[in-house]
Amino acid sequence: MNDDECCAVLKQFLRYDTSYPYPERDACVEWLRGQAISLGLQSEIVFCVPGVPILIMSRHGADPTLPSIVLNCHIDVVPAEASQWSLLPAGQTPFSAYEDGDGRIFGRGIQDMKSVGVQYLVAMSRLRHRRIGADGAHCVDAGRGTRRGMLA
């Protein structure tokens, strides 16, 4: 993925309102699963808690004796009120993935953790394209806190 593609994926991810109490969790997980497939990753959805999907994306290296890499993030975010976002123009919301004239992208979850999730997707893509042998696993925890999510 080049920089423009990374930003486009980030903006798509930010547009999912995954804030509680009613997150667009299922749609977001399916979108992420599509990203995994497009990168040639294996994917599996598991449920530690009924109704709370956890997406596991995996890439297996050529030599299973090499160490594995586990990248873990979550998709849920705390609620956001557009009126509290002073840098958003009229009509934009914290889930619009607004990009200003300087190329800055604004959106709920951009620092915790959606941008990190995209960085993980890019890392997995680059490991694949460079044929680096270590196994990798990218876990997206859609749960809320360790009691409702995945424990490593």
C-alpha atoms as a PDB file:
ATOM      1  CA  MET A   1       0.000   0.000   0.000  1.00  0.00           C
ATOM      2  CA  ASN A   2       1.266   3.460  -0.840  1.00  0.00           C
ATOM      3  CA  ASP A   3       0.510   6.550   1.284  1.00  0.00           C
ATOM      4  CA  ASP A   4      -2.642   7.489  -0.644  1.00  0.00           C
ATOM      5  CA  GLU A   5      -4.019   3.960  -0.330  1.00  0.00           C
ATOM      6  CA  CYS A   6      -3.236   3.915   3.401  1.00  0.00           C
ATOM      7  CA  CYS A   7      -5.086   7.202   3.911  1.00  0.00           C
ATOM      8  CA  ALA A   8      -8.055   5.963   1.889  1.00  0.00           C
ATOM      9  CA  VAL A   9      -8.270   2.794   4.014  1.00  0.00           C
ATOM     10  CA  LEU A  10      -7.958   4.846   7.212  1.00  0.00           C
ATOM     11  CA  LYS A  11     -10.767   7.153   6.124  1.00  0.00           C
ATOM     12  CA  GLN A  12     -13.005   4.191   5.300  1.00  0.00           C
ATOM     13  CA  PHE A  13     -12.286   2.692   8.733  1.00  0.00           C
ATOM     14  CA  LEU A  14     -13.018   6.001  10.508  1.00  0.00           C
ATOM     15  CA  ARG A  15     -16.437   6.248   8.860  1.00  0.00           C
ATOM     16  CA  TYR A  16     -17.717   3.297  10.884  1.00  0.00           C
ATOM     17  CA  ASP A  17     -19.354   4.611  14.037  1.00  0.00           C
ATOM     18  CA  THR A  18     -18.059   2.009  16.467  1.00  0.00           C
ATOM     19  CA  SER A  19     -18.903   4.025  19.566  1.00  0.00           C
ATOM     20  CA  TYR A  20     -20.887   2.541  22.397  1.00  0.00           C
ATOM     21  CA  PRO A  21     -23.594   1.759  23.285  1.00  0.00           C
ATOM     22  CA  TYR A  22     -24.656   0.854  19.710  1.00  0.00           C
ATOM     23  CA  PRO A  23     -21.584   0.399  17.555  1.00  0.00           C
ATOM     24  CA  GLU A  24     -21.644  -0.503  13.862  1.00  0.00           C
ATOM     25  CA  ARG A  25     -19.498  -3.413  14.979  1.00  0.00           C
ATOM     26  CA  ASP A  26     -20.696  -6.134  12.623  1.00  0.00           C
ATOM     27  CA  ALA A  27     -20.421  -3.976   9.504  1.00  0.00           C
ATOM     28  CA  CYS A  28     -16.967  -2.798  10.540  1.00  0.00           C
ATOM     29  CA  VAL A  29     -15.739  -6.344  11.215  1.00  0.00           C
ATOM     30  CA  GLU A  30     -17.014  -7.474   7.801  1.00  0.00           C
ATOM     31  CA  TRP A  31     -15.254  -4.524   6.153  1.00  0.00           C
ATOM     32  CA  LEU A  32     -12.028  -5.434   7.971  1.00  0.00           C
ATOM     33  CA  ARG A  33     -12.452  -9.032   6.885  1.00  0.00           C
ATOM     34  CA  GLY A  34     -12.652  -7.772   3.301  1.00  0.00           C
ATOM     35  CA  GLN A  35      -9.407  -5.882   3.861  1.00  0.00           C
ATOM     36  CA  ALA A  36      -7.799  -9.103   5.110  1.00  0.00           C
ATOM     37  CA  ILE A  37      -8.943 -11.008   2.033  1.00  0.00           C
ATOM     38  CA  SER A  38      -7.652  -8.269  -0.291  1.00  0.00           C
ATOM     39  CA  LEU A  39      -4.242  -8.575   1.395  1.00  0.00           C
ATOM     40  CA  GLY A  40      -4.205 -12.353   1.062  1.00  0.00           C
ATOM     41  CA  LEU A  41      -4.624 -12.921   4.799  1.00  0.00           C
ATOM     42  CA  GLN A  42      -6.598 -15.724   6.367  1.00  0.00           C
ATOM     43  CA  SER A  43      -9.440 -14.543   8.558  1.00  0.00           C
ATOM     44  CA  GLU A  44     -11.658 -16.026  11.220  1.00  0.00           C
ATOM     45  CA  ILE A  45     -14.389 -14.532  13.382  1.00  0.00           C
ATOM     46  CA  VAL A  46     -14.715 -15.917  16.903  1.00  0.00           C
ATOM     47  CA  PHE A  47     -17.069 -15.058  19.749  1.00  0.00           C
ATOM     48  CA  CYS A  48     -15.792 -15.062  23.334  1.00  0.00           C
ATOM     49  CA  VAL A  49     -18.975 -13.211  24.300  1.00  0.00           C
ATOM     50  CA  PRO A  50     -22.237 -13.750  22.371  1.00  0.00           C
ATOM     51  CA  GLY A  51     -22.803 -10.933  19.884  1.00  0.00           C
ATOM     52  CA  VAL A  52     -19.276  -9.527  20.210  1.00  0.00           C
ATOM     53  CA  PRO A  53     -17.207 -10.659  17.208  1.00  0.00           C
ATOM     54  CA  ILE A  54     -13.433 -10.874  17.301  1.00  0.00           C
ATOM     55  CA  LEU A  55     -11.718 -10.926  13.931  1.00  0.00           C
ATOM     56  CA  ILE A  56      -8.419 -12.751  13.686  1.00  0.00           C
ATOM     57  CA  MET A  57      -6.366 -12.124  10.549  1.00  0.00           C
ATOM     58  CA  SER A  58      -3.384 -14.382   9.986  1.00  0.00           C
ATOM     59  CA  ARG A  59      -0.447 -14.728   7.668  1.00  0.00           C
ATOM     60  CA  HIS A  60       1.610 -17.873   7.954  1.00  0.00           C
ATOM     61  CA  GLY A  61       5.273 -17.784   6.986  1.00  0.00           C
ATOM     62  CA  ALA A  62       7.239 -20.403   5.125  1.00  0.00           C
ATOM     63  CA  ASP A  63       9.066 -21.604   8.248  1.00  0.00           C
ATOM     64  CA  PRO A  64       6.794 -22.343  11.240  1.00  0.00           C
ATOM     65  CA  THR A  65       9.855 -22.651  13.505  1.00  0.00           C
ATOM     66  CA  LEU A  66      10.404 -18.895  13.285  1.00  0.00           C
ATOM     67  CA  PRO A  67       8.849 -16.614  15.929  1.00  0.00           C
ATOM     68  CA  SER A  68       5.341 -15.262  15.449  1.00  0.00           C
ATOM     69  CA  ILE A  69       4.268 -11.653  15.516  1.00  0.00           C
ATOM     70  CA  VAL A  70       0.981 -10.762  17.226  1.00  0.00           C
ATOM     71  CA  LEU A  71      -0.512  -7.348  16.524  1.00  0.00           C
ATOM     72  CA  ASN A  72      -3.573  -6.590  18.625  1.00  0.00           C
ATOM     73  CA  CYS A  73      -5.973  -3.661  18.499  1.00  0.00           C
ATOM     74  CA  HIS A  74      -9.632  -2.853  19.043  1.00  0.00           C
ATOM     75  CA  ILE A  75     -12.286  -1.090  16.978  1.00  0.00           C
ATOM     76  CA  ASP A  76     -14.568   0.299  19.667  1.00  0.00           C
ATOM     77  CA  VAL A  77     -14.385   4.001  20.489  1.00  0.00           C
ATOM     78  CA  VAL A  78     -15.995   6.229  23.086  1.00  0.00           C
ATOM     79  CA  PRO A  79     -18.950   8.342  21.924  1.00  0.00           C
ATOM     80  CA  ALA A  80     -18.241  11.689  20.298  1.00  0.00           C
ATOM     81  CA  GLU A  81     -20.407  14.782  19.889  1.00  0.00           C
ATOM     82  CA  ALA A  82     -19.815  16.852  16.761  1.00  0.00           C
ATOM     83  CA  SER A  83     -20.471  20.058  18.736  1.00  0.00           C
ATOM     84  CA  GLN A  84     -17.325  19.364  20.775  1.00  0.00           C
ATOM     85  CA  TRP A  85     -15.089  19.122  17.685  1.00  0.00           C
ATOM     86  CA  SER A  86     -14.063  22.698  16.980  1.00  0.00           C
ATOM     87  CA  LEU A  87     -11.993  21.936  13.859  1.00  0.00           C
ATOM     88  CA  LEU A  88     -14.789  20.229  11.929  1.00  0.00           C
ATOM     89  CA  PRO A  89     -16.600  22.338   9.326  1.00  0.00           C
ATOM     90  CA  ALA A  90     -20.388  22.535   9.399  1.00  0.00           C
ATOM     91  CA  GLY A  91     -22.011  19.296   8.307  1.00  0.00           C
ATOM     92  CA  GLN A  92     -19.055  17.105   9.278  1.00  0.00           C
ATOM     93  CA  THR A  93     -19.178  14.618  12.142  1.00  0.00           C
ATOM     94  CA  PRO A  94     -16.483  12.763  14.092  1.00  0.00           C
ATOM     95  CA  PHE A  95     -17.263   9.838  11.746  1.00  0.00           C
ATOM     96  CA  SER A  96     -16.990  11.779   8.460  1.00  0.00           C
ATOM     97  CA  ALA A  97     -13.227  11.195   8.188  1.00  0.00           C
ATOM     98  CA  TYR A  98     -12.826  14.847   7.259  1.00  0.00           C
ATOM     99  CA  GLU A  99      -9.532  15.790   5.587  1.00  0.00           C
ATOM    100  CA  ASP A 100      -8.558  19.452   5.636  1.00  0.00           C
ATOM    101  CA  GLY A 101      -6.541  21.364   3.039  1.00  0.00           C
ATOM    102  CA  ASP A 102      -3.279  20.485   4.797  1.00  0.00           C
ATOM    103  CA  GLY A 103      -3.961  16.750   4.539  1.00  0.00           C
ATOM    104  CA  ARG A 104      -4.862  16.310   8.209  1.00  0.00           C
ATOM    105  CA  ILE A 105      -7.541  13.694   8.771  1.00  0.00           C
ATOM    106  CA  PHE A 106      -9.994  14.109  11.642  1.00  0.00           C
ATOM    107  CA  GLY A 107     -12.076  11.290  13.051  1.00  0.00           C
ATOM    108  CA  ARG A 108     -13.050   9.491  16.238  1.00  0.00           C
ATOM    109  CA  GLY A 109     -10.595   6.672  16.853  1.00  0.00           C
ATOM    110  CA  ILE A 110      -7.786   8.087  14.731  1.00  0.00           C
ATOM    111  CA  GLN A 111      -5.352   7.881  17.669  1.00  0.00           C
ATOM    112  CA  ASP A 112      -6.978   5.026  19.573  1.00  0.00           C
ATOM    113  CA  MET A 113      -6.883   2.656  17.704  1.00  0.00           C
ATOM    114  CA  LYS A 114      -8.057   2.864  14.127  1.00  0.00           C
ATOM    115  CA  SER A 115      -4.879   4.414  12.716  1.00  0.00           C
ATOM    116  CA  VAL A 116      -2.883   1.731  14.534  1.00  0.00           C
ATOM    117  CA  GLY A 117      -5.116  -0.949  13.002  1.00  0.00           C
ATOM    118  CA  VAL A 118      -4.372   0.422   9.529  1.00  0.00           C
ATOM    119  CA  GLN A 119      -0.655   0.480  10.353  1.00  0.00           C
ATOM    120  CA  TYR A 120      -0.957  -3.204  11.248  1.00  0.00           C
ATOM    121  CA  LEU A 121      -2.667  -3.944   7.916  1.00  0.00           C
ATOM    122  CA  VAL A 122       0.156  -2.159   6.109  1.00  0.00           C
ATOM    123  CA  ALA A 123       2.757  -4.097   8.117  1.00  0.00           C
ATOM    124  CA  MET A 124       1.083  -7.394   7.247  1.00  0.00           C
ATOM    125  CA  SER A 125       0.932  -6.390   3.584  1.00  0.00           C
ATOM    126  CA  ARG A 126       4.606  -5.464   3.540  1.00  0.00           C
ATOM    127  CA  LEU A 127       5.632  -8.681   5.301  1.00  0.00           C
ATOM    128  CA  ARG A 128       3.774 -10.585   2.615  1.00  0.00           C
ATOM    129  CA  HIS A 129       5.243  -8.652  -0.302  1.00  0.00           C
ATOM    130  CA  ARG A 130       8.769  -8.862   1.062  1.00  0.00           C
ATOM    131  CA  ARG A 131       8.321 -12.587   1.724  1.00  0.00           C
ATOM    132  CA  ILE A 132       9.562 -12.267   5.282  1.00  0.00           C
ATOM    133  CA  GLY A 133       9.316 -15.713   6.840  1.00  0.00           C
ATOM    134  CA  ALA A 134       8.005 -14.986  10.334  1.00  0.00           C
ATOM    135  CA  ASP A 135       4.423 -15.924  11.000  1.00  0.00           C
ATOM    136  CA  GLY A 136       2.152 -12.994  11.761  1.00  0.00           C
ATOM    137  CA  ALA A 137      -1.262 -12.602  13.302  1.00  0.00           C
ATOM    138  CA  HIS A 138      -3.345  -9.455  13.376  1.00  0.00           C
ATOM    139  CA  CYS A 139      -6.107  -9.624  15.968  1.00  0.00           C
ATOM    140  CA  VAL A 140      -8.859  -7.043  15.969  1.00  0.00           C
ATOM    141  CA  ASP A 141     -10.665  -7.084  19.298  1.00  0.00           C
ATOM    142  CA  ALA A 142     -14.187  -5.786  18.868  1.00  0.00           C
ATOM    143  CA  GLY A 143     -14.895  -6.245  22.570  1.00  0.00           C
ATOM    144  CA  ARG A 144     -15.097  -3.631  25.288  1.00  0.00           C
ATOM    145  CA  GLY A 145     -12.348  -4.168  27.836  1.00  0.00           C
ATOM    146  CA  THR A 146     -10.564  -7.380  28.665  1.00  0.00           C
ATOM    147  CA  ARG A 147     -13.600  -9.004  30.261  1.00  0.00           C
ATOM    148  CA  ARG A 148     -15.545  -8.806  27.010  1.00  0.00           C
ATOM    149  CA  GLY A 149     -12.645  -9.114  24.584  1.00  0.00           C
ATOM    150  CA  MET A 150      -9.693 -11.334  23.889  1.00  0.00           C
ATOM    151  CA  LEU A 151      -6.933 -12.214  26.298  1.00  0.00           C
ATOM    152  CA  ALA A 152      -3.559 -12.975  24.720  1.00  0.00           C
END
